[in-house]
Amino acid sequence: MQRVRERAKIEGGAVVPVCGKLEAELSELAEADRKEMLETMGLAEPALATLAHEAYKLLGRQSYFTAGPKEIRAWEIPVGATAPQAAGVIHTDFEKAFIRAEIYSLEDLKQYKTEAAIKAAGKMRAEGKAYVMKDGDIAHFLTGA
């Protein structure tokens, strides 16, 4: 296993050990029990989640979210994508007619619970065409179309 880790390091990769039996057991547990089992084993998250994070990192990808009354959705973009490029993933016309993005973080949503409270706290930011999206941003795009 050490040789595999050394090779991955040389090539800029990572090694994520996965125990199928453990992952199966975790998937069947309630959230509180899953959290307790992970803590007992000294893990922050299931290995499959770690594998997904490492795959995204290796491929130079990240996600941002859009949220509205009807749905919350994740969108995949390259690391370094600007706000207009991220808007273009939803629809190419959004990139062409981009005016600005309203951005907030998942941490803000956890703390303030609603978009209205986020706005009231001054945590929702207006960002322009040069804004580089961050992994986990929550965005609303305003367009001129």
C-alpha atoms as a PDB file:
ATOM      1  CA  MET A   1       0.000   0.000   0.000  1.00  0.00           C
ATOM      2  CA  GLN A   2       2.893   2.372   0.718  1.00  0.00           C
ATOM      3  CA  ARG A   3       4.148   1.993  -2.876  1.00  0.00           C
ATOM      4  CA  VAL A   4       0.708   2.948  -4.162  1.00  0.00           C
ATOM      5  CA  ARG A   5       0.646   6.044  -1.937  1.00  0.00           C
ATOM      6  CA  GLU A   6       4.137   7.064  -3.091  1.00  0.00           C
ATOM      7  CA  ARG A   7       3.171   6.651  -6.769  1.00  0.00           C
ATOM      8  CA  ALA A   8      -0.022   8.663  -6.282  1.00  0.00           C
ATOM      9  CA  LYS A   9       1.953  11.453  -4.601  1.00  0.00           C
ATOM     10  CA  ILE A  10       4.471  11.562  -7.469  1.00  0.00           C
ATOM     11  CA  GLU A  11       1.651  11.792 -10.012  1.00  0.00           C
ATOM     12  CA  GLY A  12      -0.343  14.360  -8.032  1.00  0.00           C
ATOM     13  CA  GLY A  13      -3.082  11.932  -7.073  1.00  0.00           C
ATOM     14  CA  ALA A  14      -4.422  10.492  -3.861  1.00  0.00           C
ATOM     15  CA  VAL A  15      -5.250   7.105  -2.408  1.00  0.00           C
ATOM     16  CA  VAL A  16      -8.673   6.574  -0.903  1.00  0.00           C
ATOM     17  CA  PRO A  17      -9.099   3.221   0.844  1.00  0.00           C
ATOM     18  CA  VAL A  18     -12.685   1.959   0.592  1.00  0.00           C
ATOM     19  CA  CYS A  19     -14.158  -0.885   2.616  1.00  0.00           C
ATOM     20  CA  GLY A  20     -17.306  -2.030   0.848  1.00  0.00           C
ATOM     21  CA  LYS A  21     -18.743  -3.681   3.946  1.00  0.00           C
ATOM     22  CA  LEU A  22     -18.288  -0.536   6.059  1.00  0.00           C
ATOM     23  CA  GLU A  23     -19.770   1.689   3.329  1.00  0.00           C
ATOM     24  CA  ALA A  24     -22.793  -0.630   3.063  1.00  0.00           C
ATOM     25  CA  GLU A  25     -23.330  -0.530   6.822  1.00  0.00           C
ATOM     26  CA  LEU A  26     -23.013   3.261   6.907  1.00  0.00           C
ATOM     27  CA  SER A  27     -25.547   3.659   4.108  1.00  0.00           C
ATOM     28  CA  GLU A  28     -28.166   1.784   6.122  1.00  0.00           C
ATOM     29  CA  LEU A  29     -27.786   3.843   9.312  1.00  0.00           C
ATOM     30  CA  ALA A  30     -29.784   6.859  10.409  1.00  0.00           C
ATOM     31  CA  GLU A  31     -27.836  10.152  10.202  1.00  0.00           C
ATOM     32  CA  ALA A  32     -27.077  10.336  13.947  1.00  0.00           C
ATOM     33  CA  ASP A  33     -25.897   6.713  14.066  1.00  0.00           C
ATOM     34  CA  ARG A  34     -23.813   7.167  10.914  1.00  0.00           C
ATOM     35  CA  LYS A  35     -22.131  10.229  12.426  1.00  0.00           C
ATOM     36  CA  GLU A  36     -21.397   8.344  15.654  1.00  0.00           C
ATOM     37  CA  MET A  37     -19.949   5.365  13.773  1.00  0.00           C
ATOM     38  CA  LEU A  38     -17.727   7.610  11.665  1.00  0.00           C
ATOM     39  CA  GLU A  39     -16.479   9.445  14.767  1.00  0.00           C
ATOM     40  CA  THR A  40     -15.766   6.124  16.491  1.00  0.00           C
ATOM     41  CA  MET A  41     -13.659   5.065  13.511  1.00  0.00           C
ATOM     42  CA  GLY A  42     -11.856   8.424  13.318  1.00  0.00           C
ATOM     43  CA  LEU A  43     -13.399   9.335   9.953  1.00  0.00           C
ATOM     44  CA  ALA A  44     -14.856  12.691   8.934  1.00  0.00           C
ATOM     45  CA  GLU A  45     -17.051  11.245   6.184  1.00  0.00           C
ATOM     46  CA  PRO A  46     -17.727   7.965   4.374  1.00  0.00           C
ATOM     47  CA  ALA A  47     -14.973   6.850   2.012  1.00  0.00           C
ATOM     48  CA  LEU A  48     -17.257   7.188  -1.015  1.00  0.00           C
ATOM     49  CA  ALA A  49     -17.687  10.907  -0.251  1.00  0.00           C
ATOM     50  CA  THR A  50     -13.912  11.263   0.099  1.00  0.00           C
ATOM     51  CA  LEU A  51     -13.490   9.431  -3.214  1.00  0.00           C
ATOM     52  CA  ALA A  52     -15.883  11.868  -4.913  1.00  0.00           C
ATOM     53  CA  HIS A  53     -13.987  14.874  -3.479  1.00  0.00           C
ATOM     54  CA  GLU A  54     -10.655  13.476  -4.631  1.00  0.00           C
ATOM     55  CA  ALA A  55     -12.015  12.672  -8.112  1.00  0.00           C
ATOM     56  CA  TYR A  56     -13.282  16.248  -8.465  1.00  0.00           C
ATOM     57  CA  LYS A  57      -9.895  17.561  -7.310  1.00  0.00           C
ATOM     58  CA  LEU A  58      -8.019  15.315  -9.744  1.00  0.00           C
ATOM     59  CA  LEU A  59     -10.244  16.411 -12.631  1.00  0.00           C
ATOM     60  CA  GLY A  60     -10.057  20.105 -11.700  1.00  0.00           C
ATOM     61  CA  ARG A  61     -13.802  20.363 -11.070  1.00  0.00           C
ATOM     62  CA  GLN A  62     -15.969  22.003  -8.420  1.00  0.00           C
ATOM     63  CA  SER A  63     -19.661  22.554  -7.768  1.00  0.00           C
ATOM     64  CA  TYR A  64     -21.860  25.536  -7.124  1.00  0.00           C
ATOM     65  CA  PHE A  65     -25.544  25.578  -6.274  1.00  0.00           C
ATOM     66  CA  THR A  66     -28.689  27.354  -7.376  1.00  0.00           C
ATOM     67  CA  ALA A  67     -31.608  27.471  -4.975  1.00  0.00           C
ATOM     68  CA  GLY A  68     -35.175  28.524  -5.407  1.00  0.00           C
ATOM     69  CA  PRO A  69     -38.626  27.735  -4.095  1.00  0.00           C
ATOM     70  CA  LYS A  70     -39.015  24.722  -6.398  1.00  0.00           C
ATOM     71  CA  GLU A  71     -35.573  23.108  -6.370  1.00  0.00           C
ATOM     72  CA  ILE A  72     -31.992  23.170  -5.195  1.00  0.00           C
ATOM     73  CA  ARG A  73     -29.485  22.011  -7.759  1.00  0.00           C
ATOM     74  CA  ALA A  74     -25.729  21.451  -7.986  1.00  0.00           C
ATOM     75  CA  TRP A  75     -23.851  22.457 -11.125  1.00  0.00           C
ATOM     76  CA  GLU A  76     -20.390  21.214 -12.088  1.00  0.00           C
ATOM     77  CA  ILE A  77     -17.814  23.693 -13.365  1.00  0.00           C
ATOM     78  CA  PRO A  78     -14.045  23.793 -13.810  1.00  0.00           C
ATOM     79  CA  VAL A  79     -11.994  25.256 -10.976  1.00  0.00           C
ATOM     80  CA  GLY A  80     -11.303  28.881 -11.923  1.00  0.00           C
ATOM     81  CA  ALA A  81     -14.597  29.417 -13.790  1.00  0.00           C
ATOM     82  CA  THR A  82     -15.945  32.956 -13.658  1.00  0.00           C
ATOM     83  CA  ALA A  83     -19.526  33.800 -12.712  1.00  0.00           C
ATOM     84  CA  PRO A  84     -20.596  34.271 -16.362  1.00  0.00           C
ATOM     85  CA  GLN A  85     -19.056  30.903 -17.278  1.00  0.00           C
ATOM     86  CA  ALA A  86     -20.913  29.266 -14.378  1.00  0.00           C
ATOM     87  CA  ALA A  87     -24.163  30.875 -15.526  1.00  0.00           C
ATOM     88  CA  GLY A  88     -23.485  29.495 -19.009  1.00  0.00           C
ATOM     89  CA  VAL A  89     -23.580  25.954 -17.652  1.00  0.00           C
ATOM     90  CA  ILE A  90     -27.267  26.501 -16.879  1.00  0.00           C
ATOM     91  CA  HIS A  91     -27.987  28.046 -20.283  1.00  0.00           C
ATOM     92  CA  THR A  92     -25.616  29.537 -22.862  1.00  0.00           C
ATOM     93  CA  ASP A  93     -27.782  32.664 -23.114  1.00  0.00           C
ATOM     94  CA  PHE A  94     -27.162  33.315 -19.396  1.00  0.00           C
ATOM     95  CA  GLU A  95     -23.434  33.658 -20.060  1.00  0.00           C
ATOM     96  CA  LYS A  96     -23.972  36.006 -22.999  1.00  0.00           C
ATOM     97  CA  ALA A  97     -26.473  38.248 -21.143  1.00  0.00           C
ATOM     98  CA  PHE A  98     -24.783  38.077 -17.715  1.00  0.00           C
ATOM     99  CA  ILE A  99     -25.139  41.224 -15.592  1.00  0.00           C
ATOM    100  CA  ARG A 100     -24.167  40.066 -12.103  1.00  0.00           C
ATOM    101  CA  ALA A 101     -24.410  37.212  -9.631  1.00  0.00           C
ATOM    102  CA  GLU A 102     -25.768  37.269  -6.103  1.00  0.00           C
ATOM    103  CA  ILE A 103     -23.575  34.930  -4.077  1.00  0.00           C
ATOM    104  CA  TYR A 104     -23.675  33.509  -0.565  1.00  0.00           C
ATOM    105  CA  SER A 105     -22.097  30.531   1.146  1.00  0.00           C
ATOM    106  CA  LEU A 106     -23.431  27.331   2.613  1.00  0.00           C
ATOM    107  CA  GLU A 107     -22.004  28.441   5.962  1.00  0.00           C
ATOM    108  CA  ASP A 108     -24.130  31.596   5.743  1.00  0.00           C
ATOM    109  CA  LEU A 109     -27.215  29.494   4.974  1.00  0.00           C
ATOM    110  CA  LYS A 110     -26.499  27.217   7.940  1.00  0.00           C
ATOM    111  CA  GLN A 111     -26.126  30.220  10.237  1.00  0.00           C
ATOM    112  CA  TYR A 112     -28.968  32.429   9.006  1.00  0.00           C
ATOM    113  CA  LYS A 113     -31.385  29.722   7.722  1.00  0.00           C
ATOM    114  CA  THR A 114     -33.078  31.817   4.982  1.00  0.00           C
ATOM    115  CA  GLU A 115     -32.027  33.997   2.070  1.00  0.00           C
ATOM    116  CA  ALA A 116     -33.952  36.899   3.595  1.00  0.00           C
ATOM    117  CA  ALA A 117     -31.921  36.601   6.801  1.00  0.00           C
ATOM    118  CA  ILE A 118     -28.696  36.303   4.784  1.00  0.00           C
ATOM    119  CA  LYS A 119     -29.559  39.537   2.940  1.00  0.00           C
ATOM    120  CA  ALA A 120     -30.528  41.286   6.188  1.00  0.00           C
ATOM    121  CA  ALA A 121     -27.151  40.326   7.689  1.00  0.00           C
ATOM    122  CA  GLY A 122     -25.363  41.758   4.642  1.00  0.00           C
ATOM    123  CA  LYS A 123     -23.914  38.381   3.703  1.00  0.00           C
ATOM    124  CA  MET A 124     -25.300  38.176   0.153  1.00  0.00           C
ATOM    125  CA  ARG A 125     -22.746  39.678  -2.210  1.00  0.00           C
ATOM    126  CA  ALA A 126     -23.212  41.140  -5.682  1.00  0.00           C
ATOM    127  CA  GLU A 127     -20.388  39.928  -7.910  1.00  0.00           C
ATOM    128  CA  GLY A 128     -19.516  40.951 -11.461  1.00  0.00           C
ATOM    129  CA  LYS A 129     -18.074  39.332 -14.565  1.00  0.00           C
ATOM    130  CA  ALA A 130     -14.591  38.890 -13.098  1.00  0.00           C
ATOM    131  CA  TYR A 131     -15.744  36.942 -10.023  1.00  0.00           C
ATOM    132  CA  VAL A 132     -14.142  33.502  -9.823  1.00  0.00           C
ATOM    133  CA  MET A 133     -16.612  30.984  -8.421  1.00  0.00           C
ATOM    134  CA  LYS A 134     -15.682  29.111  -5.257  1.00  0.00           C
ATOM    135  CA  ASP A 135     -16.551  25.510  -4.547  1.00  0.00           C
ATOM    136  CA  GLY A 136     -19.891  25.432  -2.759  1.00  0.00           C
ATOM    137  CA  ASP A 137     -21.030  28.962  -3.695  1.00  0.00           C
ATOM    138  CA  ILE A 138     -24.800  29.432  -3.861  1.00  0.00           C
ATOM    139  CA  ALA A 139     -25.697  31.734  -6.729  1.00  0.00           C
ATOM    140  CA  HIS A 140     -28.526  33.639  -8.365  1.00  0.00           C
ATOM    141  CA  PHE A 141     -27.666  35.013 -11.807  1.00  0.00           C
ATOM    142  CA  LEU A 142     -29.146  38.218 -13.158  1.00  0.00           C
ATOM    143  CA  THR A 143     -29.152  38.546 -16.925  1.00  0.00           C
ATOM    144  CA  GLY A 144     -30.191  41.132 -19.463  1.00  0.00           C
ATOM    145  CA  ALA A 145     -32.156  38.674 -21.576  1.00  0.00           C
END
